[in-house]
Amino acid sequence: MANGANAFSYLVGTLLDLFITAVMLRLLLQWVRADFYNPVCQFLVKVTNPALVPLRRVVPAIGRLDTAALVLMLALEILGVWVVSRIASSPLAPAHIVLFSITKLLATLLMTYFFLIIAAVILSWVGANLRHPVIPLVYQLTEPVMRPIRKVIPPIAGIDLSPVFALIGIRFLLLLLGW
């Protein structure tokens, strides 16, 4: 029975995490004002619209911030943590569920940027002549993180060290969160 519970817990957690990441990417792409005619953006819109459109009728945006996406991510994360804690037969208190859900969302955001920065570095080495729709999105998403670091640490002999310091900072924040 424990193997079945572990398998179901894994499946529920993974599917919810994938959908939450899709909503998070959509929110980040809105934030950086990415080209929503890009096929990747269109995919994220199609996947997330069934949950976001009805929620936007109830939860209005605050300026440029899509609060419906934030509410959806938090609600899904809380649901996922609650379900997994129930399946694992170690139920958490409601306050712990909310706190863990917020921490997990922050860790997901940081891990997303960690992998995006690594992808941007690899693309800068090998993807100069590639024309895939993901490439401009990776650069658009990482630029708001990299720009402030580049202002403090300019390229040395033509080598941009800002990704190294960004990755160190992200890993530091993840360790502070306990991830």
N, C-alpha and C. Protein backbone atom coordinates (compact mmCIF):
# COMPACT_ATOMS: atom_id res chain seq x y z
N MET A 1 0.82 -1.21 0.00
CA MET A 1 0.00 0.00 0.00
C MET A 1 0.86 1.26 0.00
N ALA A 2 2.00 1.21 0.70
CA ALA A 2 2.86 2.39 0.77
C ALA A 2 3.41 2.75 -0.61
N ASN A 3 3.73 1.72 -1.43
CA ASN A 3 4.24 2.01 -2.77
C ASN A 3 3.19 2.69 -3.63
N GLY A 4 1.93 2.26 -3.51
CA GLY A 4 0.84 2.89 -4.25
C GLY A 4 0.64 4.33 -3.83
N ALA A 5 0.72 4.59 -2.53
CA ALA A 5 0.58 5.96 -2.02
C ALA A 5 1.73 6.82 -2.50
N ASN A 6 2.94 6.28 -2.48
CA ASN A 6 4.10 7.04 -2.96
C ASN A 6 3.98 7.36 -4.45
N ALA A 7 3.53 6.38 -5.22
CA ALA A 7 3.38 6.59 -6.66
C ALA A 7 2.31 7.64 -6.94
N PHE A 8 1.18 7.56 -6.24
CA PHE A 8 0.10 8.53 -6.44
C PHE A 8 0.54 9.92 -5.98
N SER A 9 1.24 9.98 -4.87
CA SER A 9 1.76 11.24 -4.36
C SER A 9 2.71 11.88 -5.37
N TYR A 10 3.58 11.06 -5.95
CA TYR A 10 4.52 11.54 -6.96
C TYR A 10 3.77 12.08 -8.18
N LEU A 11 2.78 11.33 -8.64
CA LEU A 11 2.03 11.73 -9.83
C LEU A 11 1.28 13.04 -9.60
N VAL A 12 0.57 13.15 -8.50
CA VAL A 12 -0.18 14.37 -8.19
C VAL A 12 0.78 15.55 -8.05
N GLY A 13 1.86 15.36 -7.29
CA GLY A 13 2.82 16.44 -7.08
C GLY A 13 3.47 16.90 -8.37
N THR A 14 3.85 15.95 -9.22
CA THR A 14 4.52 16.29 -10.48
C THR A 14 3.59 17.03 -11.43
N LEU A 15 2.37 16.54 -11.59
CA LEU A 15 1.42 17.20 -12.49
C LEU A 15 1.08 18.61 -12.01
N LEU A 16 0.86 18.77 -10.71
CA LEU A 16 0.58 20.11 -10.18
C LEU A 16 1.80 21.02 -10.34
N ASP A 17 2.99 20.50 -10.07
CA ASP A 17 4.21 21.32 -10.23
C ASP A 17 4.41 21.76 -11.67
N LEU A 18 4.13 20.88 -12.63
CA LEU A 18 4.25 21.26 -14.05
C LEU A 18 3.27 22.36 -14.42
N PHE A 19 2.04 22.24 -13.94
CA PHE A 19 1.04 23.27 -14.26
C PHE A 19 1.38 24.59 -13.57
N ILE A 20 1.81 24.52 -12.32
CA ILE A 20 2.21 25.73 -11.60
C ILE A 20 3.38 26.41 -12.31
N THR A 21 4.33 25.63 -12.79
CA THR A 21 5.46 26.19 -13.53
C THR A 21 5.00 26.84 -14.83
N ALA A 22 4.01 26.24 -15.50
CA ALA A 22 3.47 26.85 -16.72
C ALA A 22 2.81 28.19 -16.41
N VAL A 23 2.05 28.26 -15.32
CA VAL A 23 1.42 29.52 -14.93
C VAL A 23 2.50 30.54 -14.56
N MET A 24 3.54 30.08 -13.84
CA MET A 24 4.63 30.98 -13.45
C MET A 24 5.36 31.52 -14.68
N LEU A 25 5.64 30.66 -15.65
CA LEU A 25 6.30 31.12 -16.87
C LEU A 25 5.44 32.12 -17.62
N ARG A 26 4.14 31.86 -17.66
CA ARG A 26 3.24 32.81 -18.33
C ARG A 26 3.28 34.16 -17.61
N LEU A 27 3.25 34.14 -16.29
CA LEU A 27 3.32 35.38 -15.52
C LEU A 27 4.64 36.11 -15.77
N LEU A 28 5.74 35.37 -15.78
CA LEU A 28 7.05 35.98 -16.03
C LEU A 28 7.13 36.55 -17.44
N LEU A 29 6.58 35.82 -18.41
CA LEU A 29 6.60 36.32 -19.79
C LEU A 29 5.75 37.58 -19.95
N GLN A 30 4.65 37.66 -19.19
CA GLN A 30 3.87 38.90 -19.19
C GLN A 30 4.68 40.03 -18.57
N TRP A 31 5.39 39.70 -17.51
CA TRP A 31 6.18 40.70 -16.79
C TRP A 31 7.27 41.30 -17.67
N VAL A 32 7.94 40.46 -18.48
CA VAL A 32 9.00 40.97 -19.36
C VAL A 32 8.46 41.42 -20.70
N ARG A 33 7.16 41.35 -20.86
CA ARG A 33 6.47 41.77 -22.09
C ARG A 33 7.00 41.03 -23.32
N ALA A 34 7.01 39.72 -23.19
CA ALA A 34 7.48 38.88 -24.29
C ALA A 34 6.47 38.91 -25.43
N ASP A 35 6.92 38.52 -26.59
CA ASP A 35 6.08 38.45 -27.77
C ASP A 35 5.11 37.28 -27.62
N PHE A 36 3.83 37.57 -27.43
CA PHE A 36 2.87 36.49 -27.21
C PHE A 36 2.41 35.84 -28.51
N TYR A 37 2.99 36.22 -29.63
CA TYR A 37 2.77 35.49 -30.88
C TYR A 37 3.79 34.36 -31.03
N ASN A 38 4.76 34.33 -30.13
CA ASN A 38 5.74 33.25 -30.10
C ASN A 38 5.00 31.93 -29.82
N PRO A 39 5.32 30.85 -30.53
CA PRO A 39 4.61 29.58 -30.33
C PRO A 39 4.68 29.04 -28.90
N VAL A 40 5.78 29.28 -28.23
CA VAL A 40 5.91 28.82 -26.84
C VAL A 40 4.93 29.58 -25.95
N CYS A 41 4.83 30.88 -26.16
CA CYS A 41 3.87 31.69 -25.41
C CYS A 41 2.44 31.25 -25.71
N GLN A 42 2.18 30.99 -26.97
CA GLN A 42 0.83 30.53 -27.35
C GLN A 42 0.49 29.22 -26.66
N PHE A 43 1.46 28.31 -26.56
CA PHE A 43 1.25 27.05 -25.86
C PHE A 43 0.91 27.30 -24.39
N LEU A 44 1.69 28.18 -23.73
CA LEU A 44 1.43 28.47 -22.32
C LEU A 44 0.07 29.11 -22.12
N VAL A 45 -0.34 29.97 -23.05
CA VAL A 45 -1.65 30.60 -22.96
C VAL A 45 -2.75 29.55 -23.08
N LYS A 46 -2.62 28.65 -24.05
CA LYS A 46 -3.64 27.61 -24.24
C LYS A 46 -3.74 26.67 -23.04
N VAL A 47 -2.61 26.35 -22.45
CA VAL A 47 -2.59 25.43 -21.31
C VAL A 47 -3.17 26.08 -20.06
N THR A 48 -2.88 27.36 -19.85
CA THR A 48 -3.27 28.01 -18.59
C THR A 48 -4.59 28.78 -18.66
N ASN A 49 -5.07 29.09 -19.85
CA ASN A 49 -6.31 29.87 -19.96
C ASN A 49 -7.53 29.22 -19.29
N PRO A 50 -7.74 27.91 -19.39
CA PRO A 50 -8.93 27.35 -18.75
C PRO A 50 -9.03 27.63 -17.26
N ALA A 51 -7.91 27.76 -16.59
CA ALA A 51 -7.94 28.06 -15.16
C ALA A 51 -7.86 29.56 -14.89
N LEU A 52 -7.13 30.30 -15.73
CA LEU A 52 -6.92 31.73 -15.46
C LEU A 52 -8.08 32.62 -15.88
N VAL A 53 -8.70 32.33 -17.00
CA VAL A 53 -9.75 33.23 -17.51
C VAL A 53 -10.91 33.35 -16.52
N PRO A 54 -11.46 32.26 -16.00
CA PRO A 54 -12.56 32.42 -15.03
C PRO A 54 -12.09 33.11 -13.74
N LEU A 55 -10.85 32.85 -13.33
CA LEU A 55 -10.34 33.45 -12.10
C LEU A 55 -10.14 34.95 -12.26
N ARG A 56 -9.82 35.40 -13.46
CA ARG A 56 -9.62 36.84 -13.70
C ARG A 56 -10.92 37.63 -13.55
N ARG A 57 -12.05 36.96 -13.68
CA ARG A 57 -13.34 37.65 -13.47
C ARG A 57 -13.54 37.99 -12.01
N VAL A 58 -12.89 37.22 -11.14
CA VAL A 58 -13.06 37.40 -9.70
C VAL A 58 -11.89 38.17 -9.09
N VAL A 59 -10.69 37.90 -9.59
CA VAL A 59 -9.47 38.50 -9.04
C VAL A 59 -8.90 39.46 -10.08
N PRO A 60 -9.07 40.78 -9.85
CA PRO A 60 -8.56 41.75 -10.84
C PRO A 60 -7.04 41.91 -10.74
N ALA A 61 -6.47 42.36 -11.82
CA ALA A 61 -5.03 42.63 -11.85
C ALA A 61 -4.73 43.89 -11.07
N ILE A 62 -3.55 43.95 -10.50
CA ILE A 62 -3.09 45.15 -9.81
C ILE A 62 -1.96 45.73 -10.66
N GLY A 63 -2.29 46.76 -11.43
CA GLY A 63 -1.31 47.33 -12.35
C GLY A 63 -0.94 46.31 -13.41
N ARG A 64 0.38 46.07 -13.55
CA ARG A 64 0.87 45.07 -14.51
C ARG A 64 0.90 43.67 -13.92
N LEU A 65 0.64 43.55 -12.62
CA LEU A 65 0.74 42.25 -11.95
C LEU A 65 -0.55 41.46 -12.14
N ASP A 66 -0.42 40.29 -12.69
CA ASP A 66 -1.56 39.38 -12.90
C ASP A 66 -1.82 38.65 -11.59
N THR A 67 -2.63 39.25 -10.73
CA THR A 67 -2.88 38.66 -9.41
C THR A 67 -3.65 37.35 -9.52
N ALA A 68 -4.43 37.18 -10.57
CA ALA A 68 -5.14 35.91 -10.74
C ALA A 68 -4.15 34.76 -10.90
N ALA A 69 -3.06 34.99 -11.61
CA ALA A 69 -2.03 33.95 -11.76
C ALA A 69 -1.37 33.66 -10.42
N LEU A 70 -1.10 34.70 -9.62
CA LEU A 70 -0.50 34.48 -8.30
C LEU A 70 -1.44 33.68 -7.40
N VAL A 71 -2.72 34.06 -7.40
CA VAL A 71 -3.71 33.35 -6.59
C VAL A 71 -3.83 31.90 -7.04
N LEU A 72 -3.85 31.68 -8.35
CA LEU A 72 -3.94 30.32 -8.87
C LEU A 72 -2.73 29.49 -8.47
N MET A 73 -1.53 30.04 -8.61
CA MET A 73 -0.33 29.29 -8.23
C MET A 73 -0.35 28.94 -6.75
N LEU A 74 -0.70 29.90 -5.92
CA LEU A 74 -0.71 29.65 -4.48
C LEU A 74 -1.79 28.64 -4.11
N ALA A 75 -2.98 28.77 -4.70
CA ALA A 75 -4.06 27.82 -4.41
C ALA A 75 -3.69 26.41 -4.84
N LEU A 76 -3.10 26.27 -6.01
CA LEU A 76 -2.69 24.95 -6.49
C LEU A 76 -1.57 24.37 -5.64
N GLU A 77 -0.65 25.22 -5.23
CA GLU A 77 0.45 24.75 -4.37
C GLU A 77 -0.08 24.29 -3.02
N ILE A 78 -1.01 25.06 -2.45
CA ILE A 78 -1.62 24.67 -1.18
C ILE A 78 -2.36 23.35 -1.35
N LEU A 79 -3.12 23.23 -2.43
CA LEU A 79 -3.84 21.98 -2.69
C LEU A 79 -2.87 20.81 -2.82
N GLY A 80 -1.81 21.00 -3.57
CA GLY A 80 -0.83 19.94 -3.76
C GLY A 80 -0.16 19.52 -2.47
N VAL A 81 0.25 20.49 -1.66
CA VAL A 81 0.89 20.16 -0.38
C VAL A 81 -0.11 19.45 0.53
N TRP A 82 -1.35 19.92 0.54
CA TRP A 82 -2.37 19.29 1.38
C TRP A 82 -2.62 17.84 0.95
N VAL A 83 -2.79 17.62 -0.36
CA VAL A 83 -3.05 16.27 -0.87
C VAL A 83 -1.88 15.34 -0.56
N VAL A 84 -0.67 15.81 -0.84
CA VAL A 84 0.50 14.97 -0.60
C VAL A 84 0.66 14.68 0.89
N SER A 85 0.38 15.67 1.74
CA SER A 85 0.50 15.41 3.18
C SER A 85 -0.57 14.43 3.65
N ARG A 86 -1.74 14.45 3.04
CA ARG A 86 -2.80 13.49 3.39
C ARG A 86 -2.46 12.09 2.90
N ILE A 87 -1.92 12.00 1.69
CA ILE A 87 -1.55 10.69 1.14
C ILE A 87 -0.43 10.08 1.97
N ALA A 88 0.52 10.92 2.38
CA ALA A 88 1.66 10.43 3.15
C ALA A 88 1.28 10.13 4.60
N SER A 89 0.04 10.32 4.95
CA SER A 89 -0.50 10.10 6.30
C SER A 89 0.28 10.85 7.38
N SER A 90 0.77 12.03 6.99
CA SER A 90 1.38 12.93 7.97
C SER A 90 0.82 14.32 7.74
N PRO A 91 -0.48 14.50 8.04
CA PRO A 91 -1.12 15.77 7.73
C PRO A 91 -0.46 16.95 8.45
N LEU A 92 -0.34 18.03 7.72
CA LEU A 92 0.24 19.25 8.26
C LEU A 92 -0.87 20.19 8.74
N ALA A 93 -0.52 21.06 9.66
CA ALA A 93 -1.45 22.09 10.11
C ALA A 93 -1.65 23.09 8.98
N PRO A 94 -2.82 23.74 8.91
CA PRO A 94 -3.08 24.70 7.82
C PRO A 94 -2.02 25.79 7.69
N ALA A 95 -1.54 26.31 8.81
CA ALA A 95 -0.51 27.36 8.74
C ALA A 95 0.78 26.82 8.13
N HIS A 96 1.13 25.59 8.46
CA HIS A 96 2.34 24.98 7.90
C HIS A 96 2.17 24.72 6.40
N ILE A 97 0.97 24.34 6.01
CA ILE A 97 0.70 24.11 4.58
C ILE A 97 0.90 25.39 3.79
N VAL A 98 0.34 26.49 4.30
CA VAL A 98 0.47 27.78 3.60
C VAL A 98 1.92 28.23 3.56
N LEU A 99 2.62 28.13 4.70
CA LEU A 99 4.02 28.56 4.75
C LEU A 99 4.88 27.71 3.83
N PHE A 100 4.68 26.39 3.85
CA PHE A 100 5.45 25.52 2.97
C PHE A 100 5.14 25.79 1.51
N SER A 101 3.86 26.09 1.20
CA SER A 101 3.46 26.37 -0.18
C SER A 101 4.13 27.65 -0.70
N ILE A 102 4.17 28.68 0.12
CA ILE A 102 4.82 29.94 -0.29
C ILE A 102 6.32 29.70 -0.50
N THR A 103 6.93 28.96 0.42
CA THR A 103 8.36 28.64 0.29
C THR A 103 8.61 27.83 -0.97
N LYS A 104 7.74 26.88 -1.25
CA LYS A 104 7.91 26.04 -2.44
C LYS A 104 7.75 26.86 -3.72
N LEU A 105 6.82 27.82 -3.73
CA LEU A 105 6.67 28.70 -4.90
C LEU A 105 7.91 29.54 -5.12
N LEU A 106 8.46 30.09 -4.05
CA LEU A 106 9.69 30.87 -4.17
C LEU A 106 10.84 30.00 -4.68
N ALA A 107 10.93 28.78 -4.16
CA ALA A 107 11.97 27.86 -4.62
C ALA A 107 11.77 27.51 -6.10
N THR A 108 10.53 27.34 -6.51
CA THR A 108 10.25 27.05 -7.92
C THR A 108 10.67 28.22 -8.80
N LEU A 109 10.38 29.43 -8.36
CA LEU A 109 10.80 30.62 -9.11
C LEU A 109 12.32 30.69 -9.22
N LEU A 110 13.00 30.47 -8.12
CA LEU A 110 14.46 30.52 -8.13
C LEU A 110 15.06 29.40 -8.99
N MET A 111 14.52 28.20 -8.89
CA MET A 111 15.02 27.09 -9.71
C MET A 111 14.75 27.35 -11.20
N THR A 112 13.61 27.95 -11.50
CA THR A 112 13.29 28.29 -12.89
C THR A 112 14.36 29.25 -13.43
N TYR A 113 14.69 30.27 -12.66
CA TYR A 113 15.71 31.21 -13.10
C TYR A 113 17.09 30.56 -13.14
N PHE A 114 17.38 29.66 -12.22
CA PHE A 114 18.65 28.95 -12.23
C PHE A 114 18.84 28.23 -13.56
N PHE A 115 17.83 27.47 -13.96
CA PHE A 115 17.94 26.71 -15.22
C PHE A 115 17.86 27.61 -16.45
N LEU A 116 17.09 28.69 -16.37
CA LEU A 116 17.05 29.63 -17.50
C LEU A 116 18.41 30.29 -17.72
N ILE A 117 19.10 30.64 -16.64
CA ILE A 117 20.42 31.27 -16.77
C ILE A 117 21.41 30.28 -17.35
N ILE A 118 21.37 29.03 -16.89
CA ILE A 118 22.25 28.01 -17.46
C ILE A 118 21.95 27.83 -18.95
N ALA A 119 20.66 27.81 -19.31
CA ALA A 119 20.28 27.68 -20.72
C ALA A 119 20.79 28.87 -21.52
N ALA A 120 20.69 30.08 -20.96
CA ALA A 120 21.18 31.27 -21.67
C ALA A 120 22.68 31.19 -21.89
N VAL A 121 23.42 30.70 -20.91
CA VAL A 121 24.87 30.56 -21.06
C VAL A 121 25.20 29.57 -22.16
N ILE A 122 24.55 28.42 -22.14
CA ILE A 122 24.79 27.39 -23.16
C ILE A 122 24.42 27.93 -24.54
N LEU A 123 23.29 28.62 -24.63
CA LEU A 123 22.88 29.19 -25.92
C LEU A 123 23.86 30.24 -26.41
N SER A 124 24.47 30.98 -25.50
CA SER A 124 25.45 31.98 -25.93
C SER A 124 26.69 31.32 -26.52
N TRP A 125 26.96 30.09 -26.12
CA TRP A 125 28.12 29.37 -26.67
C TRP A 125 27.80 28.71 -27.99
N VAL A 126 26.66 28.03 -28.06
CA VAL A 126 26.37 27.19 -29.23
C VAL A 126 25.18 27.63 -30.05
N GLY A 127 24.36 28.51 -29.52
CA GLY A 127 23.11 28.82 -30.21
C GLY A 127 23.07 30.13 -30.94
N ALA A 128 24.22 30.68 -31.28
CA ALA A 128 24.25 31.99 -31.92
C ALA A 128 23.51 31.99 -33.26
N ASN A 129 23.60 30.89 -33.99
CA ASN A 129 22.96 30.84 -35.31
C ASN A 129 21.66 30.06 -35.32
N LEU A 130 21.21 29.61 -34.16
CA LEU A 130 19.96 28.85 -34.10
C LEU A 130 18.76 29.80 -34.14
N ARG A 131 17.68 29.32 -34.74
CA ARG A 131 16.47 30.14 -34.86
C ARG A 131 15.28 29.36 -34.30
N HIS A 132 15.32 29.09 -33.02
CA HIS A 132 14.22 28.39 -32.36
C HIS A 132 13.43 29.41 -31.54
N PRO A 133 12.10 29.25 -31.44
CA PRO A 133 11.30 30.25 -30.72
C PRO A 133 11.60 30.34 -29.22
N VAL A 134 12.24 29.35 -28.64
CA VAL A 134 12.55 29.40 -27.21
C VAL A 134 13.71 30.36 -26.93
N ILE A 135 14.63 30.49 -27.86
CA ILE A 135 15.86 31.25 -27.63
C ILE A 135 15.60 32.71 -27.24
N PRO A 136 14.78 33.47 -27.97
CA PRO A 136 14.56 34.85 -27.53
C PRO A 136 13.84 34.93 -26.18
N LEU A 137 13.00 33.94 -25.88
CA LEU A 137 12.29 33.96 -24.60
C LEU A 137 13.26 33.75 -23.43
N VAL A 138 14.24 32.87 -23.63
CA VAL A 138 15.23 32.63 -22.57
C VAL A 138 15.97 33.92 -22.27
N TYR A 139 16.39 34.62 -23.31
CA TYR A 139 17.11 35.88 -23.09
C TYR A 139 16.20 36.96 -22.50
N GLN A 140 14.94 37.02 -22.94
CA GLN A 140 14.02 38.01 -22.38
C GLN A 140 13.76 37.75 -20.91
N LEU A 141 13.63 36.48 -20.53
CA LEU A 141 13.35 36.15 -19.14
C LEU A 141 14.55 36.38 -18.23
N THR A 142 15.75 36.13 -18.72
CA THR A 142 16.93 36.26 -17.86
C THR A 142 17.47 37.69 -17.79
N GLU A 143 17.15 38.51 -18.75
CA GLU A 143 17.72 39.86 -18.79
C GLU A 143 17.39 40.70 -17.54
N PRO A 144 16.16 40.67 -17.00
CA PRO A 144 15.91 41.47 -15.78
C PRO A 144 16.75 41.04 -14.58
N VAL A 145 17.19 39.80 -14.55
CA VAL A 145 18.05 39.33 -13.46
C VAL A 145 19.51 39.68 -13.76
N MET A 146 19.89 39.55 -15.00
CA MET A 146 21.29 39.75 -15.37
C MET A 146 21.69 41.23 -15.45
N ARG A 147 20.78 42.08 -15.88
CA ARG A 147 21.10 43.50 -16.09
C ARG A 147 21.67 44.17 -14.84
N PRO A 148 21.03 44.04 -13.66
CA PRO A 148 21.62 44.71 -12.48
C PRO A 148 23.00 44.17 -12.10
N ILE A 149 23.22 42.88 -12.33
CA ILE A 149 24.52 42.30 -12.01
C ILE A 149 25.57 42.81 -12.99
N ARG A 150 25.20 42.95 -14.26
CA ARG A 150 26.15 43.46 -15.27
C ARG A 150 26.54 44.90 -14.98
N LYS A 151 25.65 45.67 -14.35
CA LYS A 151 25.99 47.05 -14.01
C LYS A 151 27.07 47.09 -12.93
N VAL A 152 27.04 46.11 -12.02
CA VAL A 152 28.02 46.07 -10.94
C VAL A 152 29.31 45.37 -11.39
N ILE A 153 29.15 44.29 -12.17
CA ILE A 153 30.30 43.50 -12.61
C ILE A 153 30.32 43.51 -14.14
N PRO A 154 31.06 44.44 -14.74
CA PRO A 154 31.12 44.49 -16.20
C PRO A 154 31.91 43.30 -16.75
N PRO A 155 31.79 43.03 -18.04
CA PRO A 155 32.59 41.95 -18.65
C PRO A 155 34.08 42.19 -18.47
N ILE A 156 34.78 41.12 -18.20
CA ILE A 156 36.24 41.19 -18.02
C ILE A 156 36.88 40.51 -19.22
N ALA A 157 37.64 41.27 -20.01
CA ALA A 157 38.29 40.77 -21.23
C ALA A 157 37.26 40.14 -22.16
N GLY A 158 36.09 40.74 -22.22
CA GLY A 158 35.04 40.25 -23.11
C GLY A 158 34.26 39.06 -22.57
N ILE A 159 34.54 38.64 -21.36
CA ILE A 159 33.84 37.50 -20.76
C ILE A 159 32.84 38.02 -19.74
N ASP A 160 31.58 37.67 -19.92
CA ASP A 160 30.50 38.09 -19.03
C ASP A 160 30.43 37.12 -17.86
N LEU A 161 30.80 37.60 -16.68
CA LEU A 161 30.77 36.76 -15.48
C LEU A 161 29.46 36.90 -14.69
N SER A 162 28.55 37.72 -15.17
CA SER A 162 27.31 37.94 -14.43
C SER A 162 26.50 36.65 -14.22
N PRO A 163 26.47 35.70 -15.18
CA PRO A 163 25.73 34.47 -14.89
C PRO A 163 26.29 33.69 -13.70
N VAL A 164 27.60 33.71 -13.53
CA VAL A 164 28.21 33.01 -12.40
C VAL A 164 27.71 33.60 -11.09
N PHE A 165 27.72 34.92 -11.00
CA PHE A 165 27.29 35.58 -9.77
C PHE A 165 25.78 35.46 -9.57
N ALA A 166 25.03 35.44 -10.65
CA ALA A 166 23.59 35.23 -10.53
C ALA A 166 23.29 33.83 -10.00
N LEU A 167 24.00 32.84 -10.52
CA LEU A 167 23.80 31.46 -10.05
C LEU A 167 24.22 31.30 -8.60
N ILE A 168 25.30 31.95 -8.20
CA ILE A 168 25.73 31.90 -6.80
C ILE A 168 24.66 32.54 -5.91
N GLY A 169 24.13 33.68 -6.34
CA GLY A 169 23.09 34.35 -5.57
C GLY A 169 21.81 33.53 -5.47
N ILE A 170 21.42 32.91 -6.56
CA ILE A 170 20.22 32.07 -6.55
C ILE A 170 20.42 30.87 -5.63
N ARG A 171 21.58 30.25 -5.72
CA ARG A 171 21.85 29.09 -4.85
C ARG A 171 21.86 29.51 -3.39
N PHE A 172 22.41 30.69 -3.09
CA PHE A 172 22.40 31.21 -1.72
C PHE A 172 20.97 31.39 -1.22
N LEU A 173 20.11 31.97 -2.06
CA LEU A 173 18.71 32.17 -1.66
C LEU A 173 17.99 30.83 -1.47
N LEU A 174 18.29 29.86 -2.32
CA LEU A 174 17.70 28.53 -2.16
C LEU A 174 18.13 27.88 -0.85
N LEU A 175 19.38 28.06 -0.49
CA LEU A 175 19.85 27.52 0.78
C LEU A 175 19.18 28.23 1.96
N LEU A 176 18.96 29.55 1.85
CA LEU A 176 18.24 30.26 2.89
C LEU A 176 16.81 29.74 3.05
N LEU A 177 16.20 29.34 1.92
CA LEU A 177 14.84 28.79 1.99
C LEU A 177 14.82 27.35 2.48
N GLY A 178 15.98 26.73 2.54
CA GLY A 178 16.06 25.34 2.99
C GLY A 178 15.89 24.34 1.86
N TRP A 179 16.22 24.74 0.64
CA TRP A 179 16.09 23.84 -0.53
C TRP A 179 17.43 23.44 -0.98
